[in-house]
Amino acid sequence: MKFYEKYPILKQKSFLSKVLIDTVYSTMALENQNVLKIKIIKIVDTILKERELKDSAFFK
């Protein structure tokens, strides 16, 4: 069984984005690295858009 077959919710862009943003933000906070959440949101959105352009089937 493929990873995305086992966890199909990860193919939902909004869910994946939220998980990535929350994980990065909380990890950085634990390491006392103060980064604005909006900055992380912009970075994650950019990366997901690039991925979507490279492999249009990724979120389908």
N, C-alpha and C. Protein backbone atom coordinates (compact mmCIF):
# COMPACT_ATOMS: atom_id res chain seq x y z
N MET A 1 0.85 -1.18 0.00
CA MET A 1 0.00 0.00 0.00
C MET A 1 0.90 1.24 0.00
N LYS A 2 0.57 2.18 -0.87
CA LYS A 2 1.33 3.42 -0.95
C LYS A 2 0.94 4.35 0.20
N PHE A 3 1.86 5.24 0.51
CA PHE A 3 1.67 6.17 1.62
C PHE A 3 0.39 6.98 1.47
N TYR A 4 0.15 7.52 0.26
CA TYR A 4 -1.03 8.37 0.06
C TYR A 4 -2.32 7.56 -0.04
N GLU A 5 -2.21 6.26 -0.28
CA GLU A 5 -3.40 5.41 -0.23
C GLU A 5 -3.78 5.15 1.23
N LYS A 6 -2.78 5.03 2.07
CA LYS A 6 -3.03 4.78 3.48
C LYS A 6 -3.53 6.04 4.19
N TYR A 7 -3.01 7.20 3.79
CA TYR A 7 -3.38 8.48 4.40
C TYR A 7 -3.85 9.46 3.33
N PRO A 8 -5.02 9.25 2.76
CA PRO A 8 -5.49 10.11 1.66
C PRO A 8 -5.72 11.56 2.07
N ILE A 9 -5.93 11.82 3.35
CA ILE A 9 -6.17 13.20 3.80
C ILE A 9 -4.95 14.09 3.53
N LEU A 10 -3.76 13.49 3.43
CA LEU A 10 -2.55 14.28 3.16
C LEU A 10 -2.53 14.84 1.74
N LYS A 11 -3.41 14.35 0.88
CA LYS A 11 -3.49 14.90 -0.47
C LYS A 11 -4.37 16.14 -0.52
N GLN A 12 -5.02 16.45 0.58
CA GLN A 12 -5.81 17.68 0.66
C GLN A 12 -4.87 18.82 1.01
N LYS A 13 -4.78 19.75 0.08
CA LYS A 13 -3.81 20.84 0.22
C LYS A 13 -4.02 21.64 1.51
N SER A 14 -5.24 21.91 1.87
CA SER A 14 -5.49 22.72 3.08
C SER A 14 -5.05 21.98 4.34
N PHE A 15 -5.31 20.68 4.41
CA PHE A 15 -4.90 19.90 5.57
C PHE A 15 -3.39 19.82 5.66
N LEU A 16 -2.75 19.51 4.54
CA LEU A 16 -1.29 19.40 4.52
C LEU A 16 -0.64 20.72 4.91
N SER A 17 -1.17 21.80 4.40
CA SER A 17 -0.64 23.13 4.71
C SER A 17 -0.74 23.41 6.21
N LYS A 18 -1.89 23.13 6.79
CA LYS A 18 -2.09 23.37 8.23
C LYS A 18 -1.13 22.53 9.06
N VAL A 19 -0.97 21.26 8.72
CA VAL A 19 -0.07 20.38 9.46
C VAL A 19 1.37 20.89 9.38
N LEU A 20 1.80 21.25 8.18
CA LEU A 20 3.17 21.74 8.00
C LEU A 20 3.41 23.03 8.77
N ILE A 21 2.48 23.96 8.66
CA ILE A 21 2.63 25.25 9.34
C ILE A 21 2.68 25.06 10.86
N ASP A 22 1.75 24.30 11.39
CA ASP A 22 1.71 24.07 12.85
C ASP A 22 2.97 23.36 13.34
N THR A 23 3.43 22.37 12.57
CA THR A 23 4.62 21.61 12.97
C THR A 23 5.87 22.48 12.96
N VAL A 24 6.07 23.23 11.89
CA VAL A 24 7.25 24.09 11.80
C VAL A 24 7.20 25.16 12.88
N TYR A 25 6.06 25.79 13.05
CA TYR A 25 5.93 26.87 14.05
C TYR A 25 6.22 26.35 15.46
N SER A 26 5.62 25.23 15.82
CA SER A 26 5.81 24.72 17.18
C SER A 26 7.23 24.21 17.40
N THR A 27 7.83 23.60 16.39
CA THR A 27 9.21 23.13 16.51
C THR A 27 10.16 24.31 16.71
N MET A 28 9.97 25.36 15.94
CA MET A 28 10.83 26.53 16.08
C MET A 28 10.62 27.21 17.44
N ALA A 29 9.40 27.22 17.91
CA ALA A 29 9.11 27.81 19.22
C ALA A 29 9.81 27.02 20.33
N LEU A 30 9.82 25.70 20.21
CA LEU A 30 10.50 24.87 21.20
C LEU A 30 12.00 25.13 21.22
N GLU A 31 12.54 25.54 20.08
CA GLU A 31 13.97 25.84 19.98
C GLU A 31 14.26 27.32 20.22
N ASN A 32 13.29 28.03 20.77
CA ASN A 32 13.42 29.47 21.06
C ASN A 32 13.78 30.30 19.83
N GLN A 33 13.25 29.91 18.69
CA GLN A 33 13.44 30.67 17.46
C GLN A 33 12.12 31.36 17.16
N ASN A 34 12.08 32.64 17.41
CA ASN A 34 10.85 33.39 17.21
C ASN A 34 10.69 33.78 15.75
N VAL A 35 9.75 33.15 15.10
CA VAL A 35 9.43 33.44 13.71
C VAL A 35 7.93 33.72 13.65
N LEU A 36 7.57 34.74 12.90
CA LEU A 36 6.15 35.05 12.75
C LEU A 36 5.46 33.93 11.99
N LYS A 37 4.29 33.58 12.45
CA LYS A 37 3.54 32.50 11.81
C LYS A 37 3.19 32.86 10.36
N ILE A 38 2.96 34.13 10.09
CA ILE A 38 2.62 34.56 8.73
C ILE A 38 3.78 34.28 7.77
N LYS A 39 5.00 34.39 8.26
CA LYS A 39 6.18 34.10 7.43
C LYS A 39 6.23 32.62 7.07
N ILE A 40 5.93 31.77 8.04
CA ILE A 40 5.90 30.33 7.80
C ILE A 40 4.78 29.99 6.82
N ILE A 41 3.64 30.63 6.97
CA ILE A 41 2.51 30.40 6.06
C ILE A 41 2.91 30.73 4.63
N LYS A 42 3.58 31.85 4.43
CA LYS A 42 4.01 32.25 3.09
C LYS A 42 4.99 31.24 2.50
N ILE A 43 5.93 30.78 3.31
CA ILE A 43 6.93 29.82 2.84
C ILE A 43 6.26 28.50 2.45
N VAL A 44 5.38 28.00 3.31
CA VAL A 44 4.70 26.73 3.03
C VAL A 44 3.83 26.86 1.78
N ASP A 45 3.11 27.97 1.65
CA ASP A 45 2.28 28.18 0.47
C ASP A 45 3.11 28.19 -0.80
N THR A 46 4.26 28.84 -0.76
CA THR A 46 5.15 28.90 -1.92
C THR A 46 5.65 27.50 -2.29
N ILE A 47 6.07 26.74 -1.30
CA ILE A 47 6.58 25.39 -1.56
C ILE A 47 5.48 24.49 -2.12
N LEU A 48 4.28 24.58 -1.57
CA LEU A 48 3.18 23.74 -2.07
C LEU A 48 2.78 24.14 -3.49
N LYS A 49 2.81 25.43 -3.79
CA LYS A 49 2.49 25.87 -5.16
C LYS A 49 3.54 25.38 -6.15
N GLU A 50 4.82 25.43 -5.76
CA GLU A 50 5.89 24.92 -6.62
C GLU A 50 5.71 23.43 -6.87
N ARG A 51 5.39 22.71 -5.81
CA ARG A 51 5.18 21.26 -5.93
C ARG A 51 3.99 20.95 -6.83
N GLU A 52 2.95 21.75 -6.70
CA GLU A 52 1.75 21.55 -7.50
C GLU A 52 2.04 21.80 -8.98
N LEU A 53 2.87 22.79 -9.27
CA LEU A 53 3.23 23.08 -10.66
C LEU A 53 4.11 21.99 -11.26
N LYS A 54 5.01 21.44 -10.46
CA LYS A 54 5.90 20.38 -10.94
C LYS A 54 5.13 19.09 -11.19
N ASP A 55 4.24 18.75 -10.29
CA ASP A 55 3.50 17.49 -10.36
C ASP A 55 2.03 17.79 -10.13
N SER A 56 1.33 18.11 -11.19
CA SER A 56 -0.07 18.53 -11.06
C SER A 56 -0.97 17.44 -10.47
N ALA A 57 -0.53 16.20 -10.50
CA ALA A 57 -1.33 15.11 -9.96
C ALA A 57 -1.16 14.95 -8.45
N PHE A 58 -0.29 15.74 -7.86
CA PHE A 58 0.02 15.58 -6.44
C PHE A 58 -1.20 15.76 -5.55
N PHE A 59 -2.03 16.75 -5.82
CA PHE A 59 -3.19 17.02 -4.97
C PHE A 59 -4.49 16.49 -5.56
N LYS A 60 -4.42 15.54 -6.45
CA LYS A 60 -5.64 14.99 -7.07
C LYS A 60 -5.93 13.62 -6.57
